[in-house]
Amino acid sequence: MATNVRKIVLPVIAAAALAGGGYAGYGWWTEGRFIESTDNAYVQSDITIVSPKVSAYVREVRVAENQQVRAGDVLALLDDRDFRAKVAESEAAVTAQRAALGTLDSKLELQRAIIDQAAATLSSAEAEQRRAQQDYDRNRSLASDSWTSRQKLETSDADLRKAVAQVAKSRAALAAENDQVAVLRATRTETEARLAQAQAALETDRNDLNNTVIRAAVDGVVGNRGVQVGQYARPGVQLLALVPLPDVYVVANFKETQIGRMRPGQSVTVSVDAFPGQKLEGKVESFAPASGSKFSLLPPENATGNFTKIVQRVPVRIALPRDGALAGLLRPGLSVEAEVDTRGADSHPHVEAGGVFGALNAKQAVAAK
């Protein structure tokens, strides 16, 4: 009886094993061999670090940890008293330079009147010189015929010499007044430069004053808030971070032996450890320009010492749908598993400038050709 059961069961088991193996082989041949997967993948986001542009004490903090904010919302206020004083000082400097510019314009107008006066004086002196010349010529003619005295001739000669000197003096005065115009214009140009400098300083001080109000640069959620009232904030020191949720993506670190048939635009199945049983459909967006080790703090130097070959990993950026089932729930840093379907890789052209490491997609490659 047992022998008969074995004769029946063993062929059934063998047939089932053969069928299962065939089905598995068929699945691998038609689909499995095209799937490249990794669990070295994480949710990422373009986190914005907020830091002040000026140094001052924090007067007020208007956001809480994990609070949703919009671009332009006020995050914190810095003590602005010193900056307001600097703005007032710069405004006074601008006013002073403008007043100096007005004074120079008035001096230029006055100088034009003085020049006209000097020109009139020169005309009068020239007329007096012509009269003295005529008197001298007349007296010299009369003196030659003894119709006038020698003394009168000498007096007319002295008057002529005096008139000539007065003309020279008037011409020199007119030239000096004209030169004064050039001096005033040069001084005006210098004052205009100082005015522009004062206006630039005023603009800088106003910018510093505006920078005492720290605003959100992007929409996002406040995280890692380390700013407190009374804290001394300095440029470059992080106050808080803004995470632009739900704009997240996945960075999957695939082995270099897995990326040979990967192309931008290929479909990716993403499973998030925090949400088991739910899968997202993403797309391969781009490839890193180098392996992860090249961007490390101490890149390996394979040309020295004993060499041990280590499989390198290449970061692959995977775009996620904004309207997916987990939209708004994903957080940067969550662990995921990514499976890339590499079927149809031959129909996607390689990017010559860097192969699969390039950030160009297929359309860009075609356009480049």
Protein backbone atom coordinates (compact mmCIF):
# COMPACT_ATOMS: atom_id res chain seq x y z
CA MET A 1 0.00 0.00 0.00
CA ALA A 2 2.77 2.41 0.97
CA THR A 3 4.61 1.51 -2.20
CA ASN A 4 1.60 2.37 -4.30
CA VAL A 5 1.24 5.76 -2.50
CA ARG A 6 4.86 6.55 -3.14
CA LYS A 7 4.44 5.67 -6.79
CA ILE A 8 1.61 8.14 -7.03
CA VAL A 9 2.96 10.94 -4.80
CA LEU A 10 6.53 11.06 -6.07
CA PRO A 11 5.60 11.72 -9.70
CA VAL A 12 3.14 14.39 -8.56
CA ILE A 13 5.82 16.08 -6.47
CA ALA A 14 8.31 15.86 -9.31
CA ALA A 15 5.78 17.28 -11.73
CA ALA A 16 4.92 20.10 -9.32
CA ALA A 17 8.60 20.87 -8.76
CA LEU A 18 9.22 20.82 -12.48
CA ALA A 19 6.22 23.09 -13.10
CA GLY A 20 7.27 25.44 -10.31
CA GLY A 21 10.82 25.56 -11.61
CA GLY A 22 9.57 26.19 -15.13
CA TYR A 23 7.27 28.94 -13.94
CA ALA A 24 10.07 30.53 -11.92
CA GLY A 25 12.44 30.23 -14.84
CA TYR A 26 9.87 31.76 -17.17
CA GLY A 27 9.34 34.63 -14.74
CA TRP A 28 13.05 35.21 -14.45
CA TRP A 29 13.55 35.07 -18.22
CA THR A 30 10.70 37.40 -19.07
CA GLU A 31 10.95 39.81 -16.15
CA GLY A 32 13.30 38.95 -13.28
CA ARG A 33 16.51 39.23 -15.26
CA PHE A 34 15.64 42.83 -16.14
CA ILE A 35 15.03 43.93 -12.55
CA GLU A 36 17.87 45.60 -10.64
CA SER A 37 17.13 46.17 -6.96
CA THR A 38 18.83 47.60 -3.88
CA ASP A 39 17.92 48.32 -0.29
CA ASN A 40 20.66 50.96 -0.05
CA ALA A 41 18.19 53.71 -0.85
CA TYR A 42 16.71 56.58 1.11
CA VAL A 43 14.14 59.33 0.76
CA GLN A 44 15.80 62.70 0.16
CA SER A 45 14.72 66.31 -0.21
CA ASP A 46 16.37 69.62 -1.06
CA ILE A 47 16.51 70.93 2.51
CA THR A 48 17.02 74.69 2.87
CA ILE A 49 19.25 75.81 5.73
CA VAL A 50 18.18 79.17 7.16
CA SER A 51 20.90 81.43 8.54
CA PRO A 52 21.07 85.22 9.06
CA LYS A 53 22.96 87.65 6.84
CA VAL A 54 23.76 90.04 9.72
CA SER A 55 24.94 89.67 13.27
CA ALA A 56 22.48 90.61 16.02
CA TYR A 57 20.60 89.26 19.02
CA VAL A 58 17.39 87.34 18.31
CA ARG A 59 14.44 89.44 19.44
CA GLU A 60 11.55 87.15 18.50
CA VAL A 61 10.97 83.66 17.05
CA ARG A 62 7.69 83.28 15.22
CA VAL A 63 7.70 79.61 14.21
CA ALA A 64 7.61 76.34 16.10
CA GLU A 65 9.18 73.00 15.38
CA ASN A 66 7.43 71.04 12.59
CA GLN A 67 5.34 74.07 11.58
CA GLN A 68 4.26 74.44 7.96
CA VAL A 69 5.33 77.80 6.46
CA ARG A 70 5.02 79.53 3.10
CA ALA A 71 7.70 81.38 1.18
CA GLY A 72 7.94 84.91 2.56
CA ASP A 73 6.62 84.08 6.03
CA VAL A 74 8.54 85.67 8.91
CA LEU A 75 10.55 83.09 10.81
CA ALA A 76 12.42 85.26 13.29
CA LEU A 77 13.22 88.89 14.11
CA LEU A 78 16.63 90.25 15.07
CA ASP A 79 17.32 93.32 17.19
CA ASP A 80 17.34 96.16 14.64
CA ARG A 81 18.13 99.24 16.77
CA ASP A 82 21.74 99.51 15.67
CA PHE A 83 20.75 99.02 12.04
CA ARG A 84 18.09 101.73 12.24
CA ALA A 85 20.71 104.11 13.64
CA LYS A 86 23.04 103.29 10.74
CA VAL A 87 20.24 103.93 8.25
CA ALA A 88 19.55 107.32 9.87
CA GLU A 89 23.26 108.17 9.74
CA SER A 90 23.47 107.21 6.07
CA GLU A 91 20.33 109.20 5.25
CA ALA A 92 21.91 112.26 6.91
CA ALA A 93 25.08 111.74 4.87
CA VAL A 94 23.05 111.58 1.66
CA THR A 95 21.17 114.75 2.63
CA ALA A 96 24.46 116.55 3.35
CA GLN A 97 25.94 115.59 -0.01
CA ARG A 98 22.79 116.67 -1.82
CA ALA A 99 22.95 120.01 -0.01
CA ALA A 100 26.62 120.38 -0.99
CA LEU A 101 25.65 119.62 -4.58
CA GLY A 102 22.97 122.32 -4.42
CA THR A 103 25.47 124.78 -3.00
CA LEU A 104 27.87 124.11 -5.87
CA ASP A 105 25.08 124.61 -8.39
CA SER A 106 24.36 127.99 -6.77
CA LYS A 107 28.05 128.87 -6.89
CA LEU A 108 28.15 128.00 -10.58
CA GLU A 109 25.21 130.30 -11.24
CA LEU A 110 26.93 133.06 -9.25
CA GLN A 111 30.17 132.42 -11.11
CA ARG A 112 28.42 132.97 -14.43
CA ALA A 113 27.27 136.38 -13.19
CA ILE A 114 30.80 137.18 -12.02
CA ILE A 115 32.15 136.19 -15.43
CA ASP A 116 29.65 138.50 -17.12
CA GLN A 117 30.75 141.28 -14.80
CA ALA A 118 34.43 140.61 -15.57
CA ALA A 119 33.66 140.60 -19.28
CA ALA A 120 31.91 143.98 -18.92
CA THR A 121 34.89 145.36 -17.01
CA LEU A 122 37.18 144.16 -19.80
CA SER A 123 35.00 145.86 -22.41
CA SER A 124 35.11 149.10 -20.42
CA ALA A 125 38.90 148.85 -20.09
CA GLU A 126 39.30 148.24 -23.81
CA ALA A 127 37.10 151.28 -24.57
CA GLU A 128 39.21 153.38 -22.21
CA GLN A 129 42.34 152.09 -23.94
CA ARG A 130 41.01 153.15 -27.34
CA ARG A 131 40.16 156.65 -26.00
CA ALA A 132 43.62 156.99 -24.41
CA GLN A 133 45.24 155.87 -27.67
CA GLN A 134 43.33 158.48 -29.62
CA ASP A 135 44.29 161.23 -27.14
CA TYR A 136 47.91 160.18 -27.30
CA ASP A 137 47.96 160.14 -31.12
CA ARG A 138 46.30 163.57 -31.24
CA ASN A 139 48.68 165.12 -28.70
CA ARG A 140 51.73 163.64 -30.39
CA SER A 141 50.67 165.13 -33.73
CA LEU A 142 50.10 168.52 -32.15
CA ALA A 143 53.35 168.31 -30.23
CA SER A 144 55.31 167.73 -33.42
CA ASP A 145 53.99 171.06 -34.77
CA SER A 146 54.44 172.73 -31.37
CA TRP A 147 50.71 173.24 -30.96
CA THR A 148 50.65 171.59 -27.52
CA SER A 149 53.00 171.30 -24.60
CA ARG A 150 55.38 168.47 -23.88
CA GLN A 151 53.74 167.95 -20.51
CA LYS A 152 50.35 167.27 -22.06
CA LEU A 153 51.87 164.69 -24.38
CA GLU A 154 53.53 162.94 -21.47
CA THR A 155 50.23 162.95 -19.56
CA SER A 156 48.38 161.35 -22.48
CA ASP A 157 51.18 158.78 -22.80
CA ALA A 158 50.82 157.89 -19.12
CA ASP A 159 47.04 157.58 -19.52
CA LEU A 160 47.54 155.23 -22.46
CA ARG A 161 49.95 153.04 -20.53
CA LYS A 162 47.52 152.95 -17.61
CA ALA A 163 44.66 151.96 -19.94
CA VAL A 164 46.76 149.15 -21.48
CA ALA A 165 47.60 147.83 -18.01
CA GLN A 166 43.94 147.98 -17.01
CA VAL A 167 42.98 145.93 -20.09
CA ALA A 168 45.60 143.30 -19.22
CA LYS A 169 44.33 143.22 -15.66
CA SER A 170 40.71 142.81 -16.79
CA ARG A 171 41.63 140.02 -19.20
CA ALA A 172 43.52 138.20 -16.46
CA ALA A 173 40.55 138.59 -14.12
CA LEU A 174 38.16 137.22 -16.76
CA ALA A 175 40.47 134.24 -17.39
CA ALA A 176 40.67 133.58 -13.64
CA GLU A 177 36.88 133.63 -13.32
CA ASN A 178 36.54 131.23 -16.26
CA ASP A 179 39.10 128.91 -14.64
CA GLN A 180 37.05 129.04 -11.45
CA VAL A 181 34.15 127.48 -13.37
CA ALA A 182 36.32 124.45 -14.17
CA VAL A 183 37.30 124.19 -10.50
CA LEU A 184 33.65 124.33 -9.41
CA ARG A 185 32.67 121.71 -11.99
CA ALA A 186 35.44 119.39 -10.81
CA THR A 187 34.30 119.92 -7.23
CA ARG A 188 30.73 119.16 -8.32
CA THR A 189 31.86 115.89 -9.94
CA GLU A 190 33.67 114.96 -6.74
CA THR A 191 30.56 115.77 -4.72
CA GLU A 192 28.41 113.67 -7.07
CA ALA A 193 30.79 110.75 -6.46
CA ARG A 194 30.52 111.23 -2.69
CA LEU A 195 26.74 111.40 -3.05
CA ALA A 196 26.71 108.13 -5.00
CA GLN A 197 28.95 106.58 -2.32
CA ALA A 198 26.61 107.80 0.41
CA GLN A 199 23.58 106.45 -1.47
CA ALA A 200 25.28 103.07 -1.87
CA ALA A 201 26.07 103.00 1.85
CA LEU A 202 22.45 103.90 2.57
CA GLU A 203 21.24 101.05 0.35
CA THR A 204 23.58 98.64 2.13
CA ASP A 205 22.37 99.79 5.55
CA ARG A 206 18.75 99.44 4.44
CA ASN A 207 19.46 95.92 3.21
CA ASP A 208 21.03 95.08 6.56
CA LEU A 209 17.97 96.49 8.29
CA ASN A 210 15.67 94.40 6.09
CA ASN A 211 17.81 91.33 6.78
CA THR A 212 16.98 91.59 10.48
CA VAL A 213 13.63 90.11 9.43
CA ILE A 214 14.37 86.47 8.56
CA ARG A 215 11.85 85.07 6.08
CA ALA A 216 11.23 81.65 4.57
CA ALA A 217 12.81 81.29 1.14
CA VAL A 218 10.62 78.31 0.14
CA ASP A 219 7.46 76.53 1.19
CA GLY A 220 8.22 73.82 3.70
CA VAL A 221 8.13 72.45 7.22
CA VAL A 222 10.34 73.85 9.97
CA GLY A 223 12.83 71.34 11.33
CA ASN A 224 15.95 71.24 13.48
CA ARG A 225 15.05 74.60 15.01
CA GLY A 226 17.92 75.71 17.18
CA VAL A 227 17.19 79.43 17.40
CA GLN A 228 16.02 80.93 20.70
CA VAL A 229 15.14 84.44 21.88
CA GLY A 230 18.25 86.23 23.14
CA GLN A 231 20.61 84.11 21.10
CA TYR A 232 23.37 85.97 19.24
CA ALA A 233 22.91 85.14 15.58
CA ARG A 234 25.82 85.35 13.19
CA PRO A 235 26.02 84.99 9.39
CA GLY A 236 26.44 81.39 8.30
CA VAL A 237 25.26 79.91 11.62
CA GLN A 238 22.22 77.68 11.15
CA LEU A 239 19.05 78.82 12.87
CA LEU A 240 16.68 76.21 11.47
CA ALA A 241 15.98 74.10 8.39
CA LEU A 242 13.08 74.12 5.95
CA VAL A 243 12.09 70.79 4.44
CA PRO A 244 10.06 71.35 1.24
CA LEU A 245 7.47 68.63 1.76
CA PRO A 246 6.01 66.87 -0.17
CA ASP A 247 8.74 67.54 -2.77
CA VAL A 248 10.82 64.46 -2.02
CA TYR A 249 12.71 61.97 -4.14
CA VAL A 250 14.73 58.80 -3.65
CA VAL A 251 18.48 58.38 -3.96
CA ALA A 252 19.32 54.71 -4.52
CA ASN A 253 22.95 53.60 -4.37
CA PHE A 254 23.26 50.82 -6.95
CA LYS A 255 26.34 48.71 -7.46
CA GLU A 256 28.41 49.56 -10.49
CA THR A 257 27.59 46.10 -11.85
CA GLN A 258 23.88 46.99 -11.84
CA ILE A 259 23.79 50.23 -13.79
CA GLY A 260 24.92 48.98 -17.18
CA ARG A 261 21.36 48.83 -18.55
CA MET A 262 19.87 51.66 -16.51
CA ARG A 263 18.65 54.72 -18.37
CA PRO A 264 16.82 57.92 -17.37
CA GLY A 265 13.07 57.47 -17.66
CA GLN A 266 12.93 53.78 -16.72
CA SER A 267 10.21 52.68 -14.33
CA VAL A 268 11.08 52.09 -10.67
CA THR A 269 9.07 50.32 -7.99
CA VAL A 270 9.72 51.86 -4.58
CA SER A 271 8.82 50.19 -1.25
CA VAL A 272 9.11 52.27 1.90
CA ASP A 273 9.99 50.42 5.10
CA ALA A 274 7.80 52.75 7.15
CA PHE A 275 4.74 51.85 5.09
CA PRO A 276 4.85 48.11 4.39
CA GLY A 277 2.54 46.78 1.72
CA GLN A 278 2.39 50.08 -0.19
CA LYS A 279 4.43 50.62 -3.32
CA LEU A 280 5.11 53.70 -5.39
CA GLU A 281 5.88 53.91 -9.08
CA GLY A 282 8.75 56.26 -9.81
CA LYS A 283 11.07 57.09 -12.69
CA VAL A 284 14.84 57.11 -13.00
CA GLU A 285 15.63 60.81 -13.20
CA SER A 286 19.41 61.09 -13.33
CA PHE A 287 22.72 59.52 -12.36
CA ALA A 288 25.45 60.97 -10.17
CA PRO A 289 28.52 62.22 -12.07
CA ALA A 290 30.79 59.98 -9.97
CA SER A 291 30.61 57.15 -7.49
CA GLY A 292 29.75 57.86 -3.87
CA SER A 293 33.31 57.24 -2.70
CA LYS A 294 34.62 60.07 -4.87
CA PHE A 295 32.46 62.56 -2.98
CA SER A 296 33.48 61.25 0.45
CA LEU A 297 35.60 63.30 2.83
CA LEU A 298 38.64 61.11 2.15
CA PRO A 299 38.39 59.65 -1.37
CA PRO A 300 40.26 56.37 -1.77
CA GLU A 301 43.70 56.48 -3.37
CA ASN A 302 44.00 53.20 -5.25
CA ALA A 303 47.43 53.96 -6.69
CA THR A 304 49.22 53.44 -3.36
CA GLY A 305 49.48 50.58 -0.89
CA ASN A 306 47.90 47.17 -1.24
CA PHE A 307 44.94 47.21 -3.60
CA THR A 308 41.68 45.47 -2.76
CA LYS A 309 38.94 45.73 -5.32
CA ILE A 310 35.66 46.93 -3.82
CA VAL A 311 32.45 47.16 -5.77
CA GLN A 312 31.57 50.85 -6.02
CA ARG A 313 28.10 52.30 -5.75
CA VAL A 314 26.61 55.02 -7.91
CA PRO A 315 23.81 57.26 -6.55
CA VAL A 316 20.75 57.19 -8.81
CA ARG A 317 18.06 59.84 -8.36
CA ILE A 318 14.51 58.53 -8.62
CA ALA A 319 11.57 60.90 -9.05
CA LEU A 320 8.38 60.15 -7.13
CA PRO A 321 4.83 61.17 -8.11
CA ARG A 322 3.49 64.20 -6.21
CA ASP A 323 0.01 62.67 -6.12
CA GLY A 324 1.08 59.21 -4.98
CA ALA A 325 -0.53 57.23 -2.18
CA LEU A 326 2.16 58.39 0.25
CA ALA A 327 2.22 62.04 -0.81
CA GLY A 328 2.88 64.22 2.23
CA LEU A 329 3.79 61.22 4.39
CA LEU A 330 7.32 60.60 3.22
CA ARG A 331 10.15 62.19 5.17
CA PRO A 332 13.80 62.59 4.13
CA GLY A 333 15.95 59.83 5.60
CA LEU A 334 13.38 57.03 5.42
CA SER A 335 14.75 53.71 4.17
CA VAL A 336 13.33 52.33 0.95
CA GLU A 337 13.89 49.48 -1.48
CA ALA A 338 14.08 50.32 -5.16
CA GLU A 339 13.60 47.99 -8.13
CA VAL A 340 14.45 49.34 -11.58
CA ASP A 341 12.93 47.72 -14.66
CA THR A 342 15.72 47.89 -17.25
CA ARG A 343 13.72 46.44 -20.14
CA GLY A 344 14.01 48.48 -23.28
CA ALA A 345 17.45 49.81 -22.39
CA ASP A 346 18.66 49.26 -25.96
CA SER A 347 16.01 51.65 -27.26
CA HIS A 348 17.36 54.42 -25.01
CA PRO A 349 20.52 56.00 -26.49
CA HIS A 350 23.62 56.34 -24.39
CA VAL A 351 24.78 59.82 -23.44
CA GLU A 352 28.23 60.09 -24.99
CA ALA A 353 29.54 62.64 -22.47
CA GLY A 354 29.63 60.27 -19.52
CA GLY A 355 27.46 57.29 -20.50
CA VAL A 356 24.88 56.42 -17.88
CA PHE A 357 26.54 58.81 -15.46
CA GLY A 358 25.34 61.82 -17.44
CA ALA A 359 22.34 63.80 -16.33
CA LEU A 360 20.95 64.16 -19.84
CA ASN A 361 17.84 62.19 -20.64
CA ALA A 362 17.08 60.52 -23.93
CA LYS A 363 15.41 63.59 -25.42
CA GLN A 364 18.40 65.76 -24.63
CA ALA A 365 20.71 63.21 -26.18
CA VAL A 366 18.67 63.16 -29.39
CA ALA A 367 18.58 66.97 -29.45
CA ALA A 368 22.33 67.08 -28.94
CA LYS A 369 22.82 64.92 -32.03
